[in-house]
Amino acid sequence: MSKAADTRPDWDTYFMEIAHVAATRSNCSRRHVGAIVVRDKRIITTGYNGTPRGVRNCFDGGCPRCASDSPSGNSLGDCICAHAEENAIVQAAYHGISVKDAAMYVTISPCLMCAKMIINAGIREVVYEGEYRFTESTRSLLQEGGVICRQFTRAAGFNSSTGL
């Protein structure tokens, strides 16, 4: 009797798929981003981008910057939406959960502000899929801060069950 092949996704694919599901909760009218924090192959927190708790949703006009015609990547200081990475870290803090020595899976590369939070939170690795303004200074800061940063590449032939 032959043993059946293991058709399950590898851990990186599994966690990235879940980050994509988290992104579907985003209330940002411009971009949907998801992040999860994992330690010992267990998800300890999730986050997605959008307006702060109790503030009108971005897609309901809660963020004037996102409702404007400002080009992507411009006027970010006027945006009131929190980033997925930021929300994942803050959710952990809100519930008293340490993210020290954990890994973060995020659907796009972190910005400089999120890189600083990732370092200070003690996250040891960031796995990202798409690139969004991943500058050399952000990359260098993560490296200097001791954070392993790598881009996720989908395995050939893996069909996402999430359709994302």
C-alpha atoms as a PDB file:
ATOM      1  CA  MET A   1       0.000   0.000   0.000  1.00  0.00           C
ATOM      2  CA  SER A   2       1.499   3.354  -1.023  1.00  0.00           C
ATOM      3  CA  LYS A   3       1.325   6.395   1.175  1.00  0.00           C
ATOM      4  CA  ALA A   4      -0.780   9.316  -0.149  1.00  0.00           C
ATOM      5  CA  ALA A   5       1.095  12.483  -1.041  1.00  0.00           C
ATOM      6  CA  ASP A   6       0.810  15.421   1.337  1.00  0.00           C
ATOM      7  CA  THR A   7      -1.051  18.092  -0.637  1.00  0.00           C
ATOM      8  CA  ARG A   8      -1.278  20.559   2.229  1.00  0.00           C
ATOM      9  CA  PRO A   9       0.284  24.002   1.764  1.00  0.00           C
ATOM     10  CA  ASP A  10       3.670  24.616   3.374  1.00  0.00           C
ATOM     11  CA  TRP A  11       3.716  26.824   6.488  1.00  0.00           C
ATOM     12  CA  ASP A  12       4.605  30.024   4.609  1.00  0.00           C
ATOM     13  CA  THR A  13       1.746  29.521   2.157  1.00  0.00           C
ATOM     14  CA  TYR A  14      -0.671  28.646   4.948  1.00  0.00           C
ATOM     15  CA  PHE A  15       0.151  31.763   6.965  1.00  0.00           C
ATOM     16  CA  MET A  16       0.227  34.063   3.926  1.00  0.00           C
ATOM     17  CA  GLU A  17      -3.213  32.809   2.872  1.00  0.00           C
ATOM     18  CA  ILE A  18      -4.511  33.679   6.340  1.00  0.00           C
ATOM     19  CA  ALA A  19      -2.933  37.157   6.058  1.00  0.00           C
ATOM     20  CA  HIS A  20      -4.866  37.575   2.803  1.00  0.00           C
ATOM     21  CA  VAL A  21      -8.082  36.582   4.571  1.00  0.00           C
ATOM     22  CA  ALA A  22      -7.332  39.167   7.284  1.00  0.00           C
ATOM     23  CA  ALA A  23      -6.959  41.763   4.508  1.00  0.00           C
ATOM     24  CA  THR A  24     -10.579  41.156   3.490  1.00  0.00           C
ATOM     25  CA  ARG A  25     -11.615  42.839   6.781  1.00  0.00           C
ATOM     26  CA  SER A  26      -9.888  46.090   5.782  1.00  0.00           C
ATOM     27  CA  ASN A  27     -12.141  49.129   5.716  1.00  0.00           C
ATOM     28  CA  CYS A  28      -9.671  51.245   3.724  1.00  0.00           C
ATOM     29  CA  SER A  29     -11.102  52.532   0.461  1.00  0.00           C
ATOM     30  CA  ARG A  30      -7.711  52.442  -1.294  1.00  0.00           C
ATOM     31  CA  ARG A  31      -5.857  49.262  -0.389  1.00  0.00           C
ATOM     32  CA  HIS A  32      -6.569  46.073   1.561  1.00  0.00           C
ATOM     33  CA  VAL A  33      -3.606  44.789   3.572  1.00  0.00           C
ATOM     34  CA  GLY A  34      -3.486  41.986   6.111  1.00  0.00           C
ATOM     35  CA  ALA A  35      -0.916  40.877   8.670  1.00  0.00           C
ATOM     36  CA  ILE A  36      -0.659  38.021  11.136  1.00  0.00           C
ATOM     37  CA  VAL A  37       1.855  37.383  13.891  1.00  0.00           C
ATOM     38  CA  VAL A  38       2.934  33.794  14.438  1.00  0.00           C
ATOM     39  CA  ARG A  39       5.028  32.116  17.119  1.00  0.00           C
ATOM     40  CA  ASP A  40       5.766  28.386  17.210  1.00  0.00           C
ATOM     41  CA  LYS A  41       3.461  27.857  14.194  1.00  0.00           C
ATOM     42  CA  ARG A  42       0.528  29.374  16.112  1.00  0.00           C
ATOM     43  CA  ILE A  43      -1.242  32.586  15.162  1.00  0.00           C
ATOM     44  CA  ILE A  44      -1.145  34.975  18.100  1.00  0.00           C
ATOM     45  CA  THR A  45      -2.682  38.080  16.521  1.00  0.00           C
ATOM     46  CA  THR A  46      -4.004  39.492  13.254  1.00  0.00           C
ATOM     47  CA  GLY A  47      -4.378  42.966  11.810  1.00  0.00           C
ATOM     48  CA  TYR A  48      -5.673  44.772   8.757  1.00  0.00           C
ATOM     49  CA  ASN A  49      -5.506  48.365   7.628  1.00  0.00           C
ATOM     50  CA  GLY A  50      -8.254  50.861   8.340  1.00  0.00           C
ATOM     51  CA  THR A  51      -9.475  53.589  10.637  1.00  0.00           C
ATOM     52  CA  PRO A  52      -8.973  53.362  14.411  1.00  0.00           C
ATOM     53  CA  ARG A  53     -11.498  51.631  16.664  1.00  0.00           C
ATOM     54  CA  GLY A  54     -14.687  53.699  17.069  1.00  0.00           C
ATOM     55  CA  VAL A  55     -13.883  56.007  14.134  1.00  0.00           C
ATOM     56  CA  ARG A  56     -16.076  56.039  11.032  1.00  0.00           C
ATOM     57  CA  ASN A  57     -14.830  53.511   8.485  1.00  0.00           C
ATOM     58  CA  CYS A  58     -12.566  54.740   5.718  1.00  0.00           C
ATOM     59  CA  PHE A  59     -14.961  53.539   3.009  1.00  0.00           C
ATOM     60  CA  ASP A  60     -17.711  55.570   4.751  1.00  0.00           C
ATOM     61  CA  GLY A  61     -15.639  58.754   4.461  1.00  0.00           C
ATOM     62  CA  GLY A  62     -13.800  58.393   7.779  1.00  0.00           C
ATOM     63  CA  CYS A  63     -10.430  59.219   6.212  1.00  0.00           C
ATOM     64  CA  PRO A  64     -10.361  62.433   4.183  1.00  0.00           C
ATOM     65  CA  ARG A  65      -7.003  61.522   2.607  1.00  0.00           C
ATOM     66  CA  CYS A  66      -8.269  58.198   1.289  1.00  0.00           C
ATOM     67  CA  ALA A  67     -11.408  59.909  -0.030  1.00  0.00           C
ATOM     68  CA  SER A  68      -9.278  62.441  -1.915  1.00  0.00           C
ATOM     69  CA  ASP A  69      -7.615  62.124  -5.297  1.00  0.00           C
ATOM     70  CA  SER A  70      -4.140  62.205  -3.741  1.00  0.00           C
ATOM     71  CA  PRO A  71      -1.838  59.831  -5.676  1.00  0.00           C
ATOM     72  CA  SER A  72      -0.867  56.532  -4.071  1.00  0.00           C
ATOM     73  CA  GLY A  73       2.001  57.005  -1.638  1.00  0.00           C
ATOM     74  CA  ASN A  74       1.472  60.776  -1.287  1.00  0.00           C
ATOM     75  CA  SER A  75       0.112  62.746   1.705  1.00  0.00           C
ATOM     76  CA  LEU A  76       0.434  59.690   3.922  1.00  0.00           C
ATOM     77  CA  GLY A  77       0.822  61.948   6.956  1.00  0.00           C
ATOM     78  CA  ASP A  78      -2.798  63.035   6.420  1.00  0.00           C
ATOM     79  CA  CYS A  79      -4.137  59.467   6.406  1.00  0.00           C
ATOM     80  CA  ILE A  80      -5.861  58.416   9.628  1.00  0.00           C
ATOM     81  CA  CYS A  81      -5.881  54.711   8.715  1.00  0.00           C
ATOM     82  CA  ALA A  82      -3.635  52.414  10.736  1.00  0.00           C
ATOM     83  CA  HIS A  83      -1.492  49.914   8.862  1.00  0.00           C
ATOM     84  CA  ALA A  84      -2.067  46.161   9.119  1.00  0.00           C
ATOM     85  CA  GLU A  85       1.305  45.607  10.821  1.00  0.00           C
ATOM     86  CA  GLU A  86       0.549  48.375  13.312  1.00  0.00           C
ATOM     87  CA  ASN A  87      -2.883  46.935  14.078  1.00  0.00           C
ATOM     88  CA  ALA A  88      -1.513  43.402  14.571  1.00  0.00           C
ATOM     89  CA  ILE A  89       1.062  44.695  17.088  1.00  0.00           C
ATOM     90  CA  VAL A  90      -1.448  46.965  18.844  1.00  0.00           C
ATOM     91  CA  GLN A  91      -4.056  44.174  19.063  1.00  0.00           C
ATOM     92  CA  ALA A  92      -1.496  42.002  20.815  1.00  0.00           C
ATOM     93  CA  ALA A  93      -0.721  44.822  23.268  1.00  0.00           C
ATOM     94  CA  TYR A  94      -4.441  45.498  23.813  1.00  0.00           C
ATOM     95  CA  HIS A  95      -4.942  41.870  24.842  1.00  0.00           C
ATOM     96  CA  GLY A  96      -1.668  41.556  26.784  1.00  0.00           C
ATOM     97  CA  ILE A  97       0.041  39.179  24.349  1.00  0.00           C
ATOM     98  CA  SER A  98       3.783  39.389  23.740  1.00  0.00           C
ATOM     99  CA  VAL A  99       4.961  39.312  20.118  1.00  0.00           C
ATOM    100  CA  LYS A 100       8.621  38.995  21.127  1.00  0.00           C
ATOM    101  CA  ASP A 101      10.541  36.530  18.916  1.00  0.00           C
ATOM    102  CA  ALA A 102       7.535  36.023  16.634  1.00  0.00           C
ATOM    103  CA  ALA A 103       7.273  36.159  12.847  1.00  0.00           C
ATOM    104  CA  MET A 104       4.945  38.493  10.951  1.00  0.00           C
ATOM    105  CA  TYR A 105       3.309  37.589   7.652  1.00  0.00           C
ATOM    106  CA  VAL A 106       2.056  40.600   5.725  1.00  0.00           C
ATOM    107  CA  THR A 107       0.499  40.869   2.281  1.00  0.00           C
ATOM    108  CA  ILE A 108       2.777  43.787   1.270  1.00  0.00           C
ATOM    109  CA  SER A 109       6.179  44.971   2.450  1.00  0.00           C
ATOM    110  CA  PRO A 110       6.282  47.183   5.547  1.00  0.00           C
ATOM    111  CA  CYS A 111       6.806  50.934   5.417  1.00  0.00           C
ATOM    112  CA  LEU A 112       9.481  52.708   7.481  1.00  0.00           C
ATOM    113  CA  MET A 113       7.051  53.522  10.318  1.00  0.00           C
ATOM    114  CA  CYS A 114       5.927  49.886  10.578  1.00  0.00           C
ATOM    115  CA  ALA A 115       9.537  48.684  10.404  1.00  0.00           C
ATOM    116  CA  LYS A 116      10.297  50.735  13.533  1.00  0.00           C
ATOM    117  CA  MET A 117       7.310  49.204  15.334  1.00  0.00           C
ATOM    118  CA  ILE A 118       8.283  45.695  14.229  1.00  0.00           C
ATOM    119  CA  ILE A 119      11.803  46.148  15.605  1.00  0.00           C
ATOM    120  CA  ASN A 120      10.639  47.677  18.891  1.00  0.00           C
ATOM    121  CA  ALA A 121       7.991  44.964  19.375  1.00  0.00           C
ATOM    122  CA  GLY A 122      10.710  42.292  19.194  1.00  0.00           C
ATOM    123  CA  ILE A 123       9.413  40.578  16.060  1.00  0.00           C
ATOM    124  CA  ARG A 124      12.317  38.558  14.627  1.00  0.00           C
ATOM    125  CA  GLU A 125      11.129  37.887  11.066  1.00  0.00           C
ATOM    126  CA  VAL A 126       8.904  39.522   8.446  1.00  0.00           C
ATOM    127  CA  VAL A 127       7.600  37.567   5.490  1.00  0.00           C
ATOM    128  CA  TYR A 128       5.894  39.763   2.896  1.00  0.00           C
ATOM    129  CA  GLU A 129       4.358  39.014  -0.487  1.00  0.00           C
ATOM    130  CA  GLY A 130       4.007  42.151  -2.620  1.00  0.00           C
ATOM    131  CA  GLU A 131       6.297  45.149  -2.524  1.00  0.00           C
ATOM    132  CA  TYR A 132       4.938  48.571  -1.637  1.00  0.00           C
ATOM    133  CA  ARG A 133       7.466  51.384  -1.330  1.00  0.00           C
ATOM    134  CA  PHE A 134       9.971  49.020   0.310  1.00  0.00           C
ATOM    135  CA  THR A 135      12.808  51.508   0.384  1.00  0.00           C
ATOM    136  CA  GLU A 136      16.451  50.750   0.949  1.00  0.00           C
ATOM    137  CA  SER A 137      16.298  52.674   4.253  1.00  0.00           C
ATOM    138  CA  THR A 138      13.425  50.452   5.450  1.00  0.00           C
ATOM    139  CA  ARG A 139      15.258  47.316   4.371  1.00  0.00           C
ATOM    140  CA  SER A 140      18.482  48.503   6.048  1.00  0.00           C
ATOM    141  CA  LEU A 141      16.716  49.469   9.259  1.00  0.00           C
ATOM    142  CA  LEU A 142      15.103  46.029   9.565  1.00  0.00           C
ATOM    143  CA  GLN A 143      18.475  44.378   8.924  1.00  0.00           C
ATOM    144  CA  GLU A 144      20.273  46.569  11.453  1.00  0.00           C
ATOM    145  CA  GLY A 145      17.480  45.884  13.952  1.00  0.00           C
ATOM    146  CA  GLY A 146      18.107  42.153  13.583  1.00  0.00           C
ATOM    147  CA  VAL A 147      14.856  41.386  11.762  1.00  0.00           C
ATOM    148  CA  ILE A 148      15.034  38.744   9.044  1.00  0.00           C
ATOM    149  CA  CYS A 149      13.039  40.005   6.087  1.00  0.00           C
ATOM    150  CA  ARG A 150      12.127  37.865   3.105  1.00  0.00           C
ATOM    151  CA  GLN A 151       9.730  37.977   0.218  1.00  0.00           C
ATOM    152  CA  PHE A 152       7.231  35.124  -0.034  1.00  0.00           C
ATOM    153  CA  THR A 153       7.022  33.331  -3.366  1.00  0.00           C
ATOM    154  CA  ARG A 154       4.048  31.106  -4.106  1.00  0.00           C
ATOM    155  CA  ALA A 155       4.860  27.489  -4.857  1.00  0.00           C
ATOM    156  CA  ALA A 156       4.107  26.504  -8.428  1.00  0.00           C
ATOM    157  CA  GLY A 157       0.839  24.714  -8.769  1.00  0.00           C
ATOM    158  CA  PHE A 158      -0.652  25.846  -5.453  1.00  0.00           C
ATOM    159  CA  ASN A 159      -4.245  26.976  -5.972  1.00  0.00           C
ATOM    160  CA  SER A 160      -5.408  29.359  -3.314  1.00  0.00           C
ATOM    161  CA  SER A 161      -8.679  28.270  -1.749  1.00  0.00           C
ATOM    162  CA  THR A 162      -9.317  31.881  -0.757  1.00  0.00           C
ATOM    163  CA  GLY A 163      -9.307  33.031  -4.365  1.00  0.00           C
ATOM    164  CA  LEU A 164      -6.925  35.848  -3.451  1.00  0.00           C
END
